[in-house]
Structure formats: structure tokens, C-alpha cells
Amino acid sequence: MNKMTFSNFGIGSRLEIGFFFVLVLMGALTVTGLLGMGGIHDRLNTIVEDNVDKMNLLQDMSESVHIVLKVMGL
């Protein structure tokens, strides 16, 4: 019986298999990177939206304090 092992393949076939393996790994890394970037983008949007709301509330409170001080004559 003739067993097919990796060493029985010619150099061209081994290079093709190795190149294909590298391409598969690159594709997996690309997908992983894109999914990670999507998660980072979502978290960043949450942080920005939360901070904008807090800054708007702070601005409203600051304006209210200035109005009260103006009315009191301080």
C-alpha cells in the first residue's frame, strides 16, 4: 500500500499547501480584527453619547447657577 505523506509531495505542491495555509490564517486574522474593531466602535459611541449627555446637563446647571446669582445680585 502506498501511503501519501507530506514528504511524498513535490516542492511545488508543498509550497501551494503552505501558501494556502498562510492565506487562510490571514483571512482569519482579518475577520478577527474587523470584529474587534466593530466592538471598539460600539463601546466608543456609548462613551461619547454618555459624556455628551452629562456635558449638556452640566451646561444647564451652570447656566442656572449664573441666572440665580444674577437675580440675587452677586
N, C-alpha and C. Protein backbone atom coordinates (compact mmCIF):
# COMPACT_ATOMS: atom_id res chain seq x y z
N MET A 1 0.85 -1.17 0.00
CA MET A 1 0.00 0.00 0.00
C MET A 1 0.90 1.24 0.00
N ASN A 2 0.55 2.21 -0.80
CA ASN A 2 1.36 3.42 -0.95
C ASN A 2 0.76 4.53 -0.08
N LYS A 3 1.45 4.88 0.99
CA LYS A 3 0.97 5.94 1.89
C LYS A 3 1.36 7.30 1.32
N MET A 4 0.43 8.25 1.39
CA MET A 4 0.72 9.61 0.96
C MET A 4 1.07 10.43 2.20
N THR A 5 2.31 10.79 2.32
CA THR A 5 2.74 11.66 3.41
C THR A 5 3.14 12.99 2.82
N PHE A 6 3.32 13.96 3.69
CA PHE A 6 3.67 15.30 3.24
C PHE A 6 4.99 15.30 2.48
N SER A 7 5.91 14.46 2.88
CA SER A 7 7.22 14.42 2.22
C SER A 7 7.15 13.80 0.83
N ASN A 8 6.08 13.08 0.53
CA ASN A 8 5.92 12.49 -0.81
C ASN A 8 5.49 13.52 -1.85
N PHE A 9 4.95 14.66 -1.41
CA PHE A 9 4.53 15.70 -2.34
C PHE A 9 5.76 16.38 -2.92
N GLY A 10 5.64 16.89 -4.12
CA GLY A 10 6.72 17.64 -4.74
C GLY A 10 6.86 19.00 -4.09
N ILE A 11 7.93 19.70 -4.39
CA ILE A 11 8.18 21.00 -3.78
C ILE A 11 7.09 22.01 -4.16
N GLY A 12 6.63 21.94 -5.41
CA GLY A 12 5.56 22.85 -5.83
C GLY A 12 4.28 22.63 -5.06
N SER A 13 3.91 21.38 -4.85
CA SER A 13 2.69 21.07 -4.10
C SER A 13 2.81 21.51 -2.65
N ARG A 14 3.99 21.29 -2.07
CA ARG A 14 4.19 21.71 -0.68
C ARG A 14 4.12 23.22 -0.55
N LEU A 15 4.69 23.94 -1.53
CA LEU A 15 4.61 25.40 -1.49
C LEU A 15 3.17 25.87 -1.64
N GLU A 16 2.40 25.23 -2.51
CA GLU A 16 0.99 25.61 -2.68
C GLU A 16 0.21 25.38 -1.39
N ILE A 17 0.44 24.26 -0.74
CA ILE A 17 -0.25 23.95 0.51
C ILE A 17 0.13 24.98 1.58
N GLY A 18 1.42 25.29 1.67
CA GLY A 18 1.87 26.28 2.66
C GLY A 18 1.30 27.66 2.38
N PHE A 19 1.29 28.06 1.13
CA PHE A 19 0.74 29.37 0.77
C PHE A 19 -0.76 29.43 1.08
N PHE A 20 -1.48 28.36 0.76
CA PHE A 20 -2.90 28.31 1.07
C PHE A 20 -3.14 28.43 2.58
N PHE A 21 -2.31 27.74 3.37
CA PHE A 21 -2.42 27.80 4.83
C PHE A 21 -2.18 29.22 5.33
N VAL A 22 -1.20 29.92 4.77
CA VAL A 22 -0.92 31.31 5.15
C VAL A 22 -2.10 32.20 4.79
N LEU A 23 -2.69 31.99 3.61
CA LEU A 23 -3.85 32.79 3.22
C LEU A 23 -5.04 32.56 4.15
N VAL A 24 -5.26 31.33 4.55
CA VAL A 24 -6.36 31.02 5.48
C VAL A 24 -6.12 31.73 6.82
N LEU A 25 -4.88 31.69 7.31
CA LEU A 25 -4.57 32.38 8.57
C LEU A 25 -4.76 33.89 8.45
N MET A 26 -4.34 34.46 7.32
CA MET A 26 -4.52 35.89 7.11
C MET A 26 -6.00 36.26 7.09
N GLY A 27 -6.81 35.42 6.46
CA GLY A 27 -8.25 35.67 6.43
C GLY A 27 -8.85 35.61 7.82
N ALA A 28 -8.42 34.63 8.61
CA ALA A 28 -8.93 34.52 9.98
C ALA A 28 -8.53 35.73 10.82
N LEU A 29 -7.30 36.19 10.66
CA LEU A 29 -6.85 37.37 11.40
C LEU A 29 -7.61 38.62 10.96
N THR A 30 -7.91 38.73 9.69
CA THR A 30 -8.66 39.88 9.19
C THR A 30 -10.06 39.91 9.79
N VAL A 31 -10.72 38.76 9.79
CA VAL A 31 -12.08 38.69 10.36
C VAL A 31 -12.04 39.02 11.85
N THR A 32 -11.07 38.46 12.56
CA THR A 32 -10.95 38.73 13.99
C THR A 32 -10.71 40.21 14.24
N GLY A 33 -9.85 40.83 13.46
CA GLY A 33 -9.56 42.26 13.61
C GLY A 33 -10.77 43.12 13.34
N LEU A 34 -11.51 42.80 12.28
CA LEU A 34 -12.69 43.59 11.95
C LEU A 34 -13.76 43.47 13.02
N LEU A 35 -13.96 42.28 13.55
CA LEU A 35 -14.94 42.10 14.62
C LEU A 35 -14.52 42.86 15.87
N GLY A 36 -13.24 42.82 16.18
CA GLY A 36 -12.74 43.57 17.34
C GLY A 36 -12.91 45.06 17.17
N MET A 37 -12.65 45.56 15.97
CA MET A 37 -12.80 46.99 15.71
C MET A 37 -14.26 47.41 15.81
N GLY A 38 -15.16 46.54 15.37
CA GLY A 38 -16.59 46.85 15.49
C GLY A 38 -17.02 46.97 16.95
N GLY A 39 -16.49 46.09 17.79
CA GLY A 39 -16.81 46.16 19.22
C GLY A 39 -16.26 47.42 19.86
N ILE A 40 -15.04 47.80 19.48
CA ILE A 40 -14.44 49.03 20.00
C ILE A 40 -15.25 50.24 19.57
N HIS A 41 -15.70 50.24 18.32
CA HIS A 41 -16.51 51.36 17.81
C HIS A 41 -17.80 51.50 18.60
N ASP A 42 -18.46 50.38 18.88
CA ASP A 42 -19.71 50.42 19.64
C ASP A 42 -19.48 50.97 21.05
N ARG A 43 -18.42 50.50 21.71
CA ARG A 43 -18.13 50.98 23.07
C ARG A 43 -17.77 52.46 23.07
N LEU A 44 -17.03 52.91 22.06
CA LEU A 44 -16.65 54.32 21.97
C LEU A 44 -17.88 55.18 21.76
N ASN A 45 -18.81 54.74 20.93
CA ASN A 45 -20.05 55.50 20.73
C ASN A 45 -20.83 55.61 22.03
N THR A 46 -20.88 54.55 22.81
CA THR A 46 -21.59 54.58 24.10
C THR A 46 -20.94 55.60 25.02
N ILE A 47 -19.62 55.60 25.09
CA ILE A 47 -18.91 56.54 25.96
C ILE A 47 -19.16 57.97 25.52
N VAL A 48 -19.05 58.23 24.22
CA VAL A 48 -19.23 59.59 23.71
C VAL A 48 -20.65 60.08 23.97
N GLU A 49 -21.65 59.25 23.67
CA GLU A 49 -23.03 59.66 23.89
C GLU A 49 -23.30 59.93 25.36
N ASP A 50 -22.77 59.11 26.25
CA ASP A 50 -22.94 59.30 27.68
C ASP A 50 -22.30 60.60 28.13
N ASN A 51 -21.09 60.87 27.66
CA ASN A 51 -20.40 62.09 28.05
C ASN A 51 -21.08 63.34 27.51
N VAL A 52 -21.62 63.27 26.28
CA VAL A 52 -22.32 64.42 25.72
C VAL A 52 -23.55 64.74 26.57
N ASP A 53 -24.28 63.73 26.99
CA ASP A 53 -25.45 63.96 27.84
C ASP A 53 -25.04 64.62 29.15
N LYS A 54 -23.97 64.13 29.75
CA LYS A 54 -23.50 64.71 31.02
C LYS A 54 -23.02 66.13 30.83
N MET A 55 -22.34 66.41 29.71
CA MET A 55 -21.87 67.78 29.47
C MET A 55 -23.04 68.73 29.25
N ASN A 56 -24.09 68.27 28.58
CA ASN A 56 -25.27 69.11 28.40
C ASN A 56 -25.94 69.41 29.73
N LEU A 57 -26.03 68.41 30.61
CA LEU A 57 -26.60 68.64 31.93
C LEU A 57 -25.75 69.62 32.74
N LEU A 58 -24.44 69.48 32.65
CA LEU A 58 -23.52 70.38 33.34
C LEU A 58 -23.69 71.81 32.84
N GLN A 59 -23.84 71.99 31.53
CA GLN A 59 -24.04 73.32 30.96
C GLN A 59 -25.34 73.92 31.46
N ASP A 60 -26.40 73.12 31.50
CA ASP A 60 -27.69 73.60 32.01
C ASP A 60 -27.57 74.03 33.47
N MET A 61 -26.88 73.21 34.28
CA MET A 61 -26.72 73.56 35.70
C MET A 61 -25.89 74.84 35.85
N SER A 62 -24.85 74.98 35.05
CA SER A 62 -24.01 76.17 35.14
C SER A 62 -24.80 77.42 34.77
N GLU A 63 -25.59 77.33 33.71
CA GLU A 63 -26.43 78.48 33.33
C GLU A 63 -27.44 78.81 34.42
N SER A 64 -28.00 77.81 35.06
CA SER A 64 -28.97 78.04 36.14
C SER A 64 -28.31 78.75 37.31
N VAL A 65 -27.09 78.34 37.66
CA VAL A 65 -26.37 78.98 38.76
C VAL A 65 -26.09 80.43 38.42
N HIS A 66 -25.69 80.71 37.19
CA HIS A 66 -25.41 82.10 36.79
C HIS A 66 -26.67 82.95 36.83
N ILE A 67 -27.80 82.39 36.43
CA ILE A 67 -29.06 83.13 36.48
C ILE A 67 -29.43 83.44 37.93
N VAL A 68 -29.30 82.46 38.81
CA VAL A 68 -29.63 82.67 40.23
C VAL A 68 -28.72 83.74 40.82
N LEU A 69 -27.44 83.68 40.53
CA LEU A 69 -26.50 84.66 41.06
C LEU A 69 -26.81 86.06 40.52
N LYS A 70 -27.22 86.13 39.26
CA LYS A 70 -27.56 87.42 38.66
C LYS A 70 -28.81 88.01 39.34
N VAL A 71 -29.81 87.15 39.61
CA VAL A 71 -31.04 87.61 40.26
C VAL A 71 -30.76 88.07 41.68
N MET A 72 -29.85 87.35 42.37
CA MET A 72 -29.53 87.70 43.74
C MET A 72 -28.61 88.92 43.80
N GLY A 73 -28.06 89.31 42.69
CA GLY A 73 -27.20 90.50 42.67
C GLY A 73 -25.79 90.21 43.13
N LEU A 74 -25.36 88.97 43.05
CA LEU A 74 -24.00 88.62 43.48
C LEU A 74 -23.04 88.63 42.34
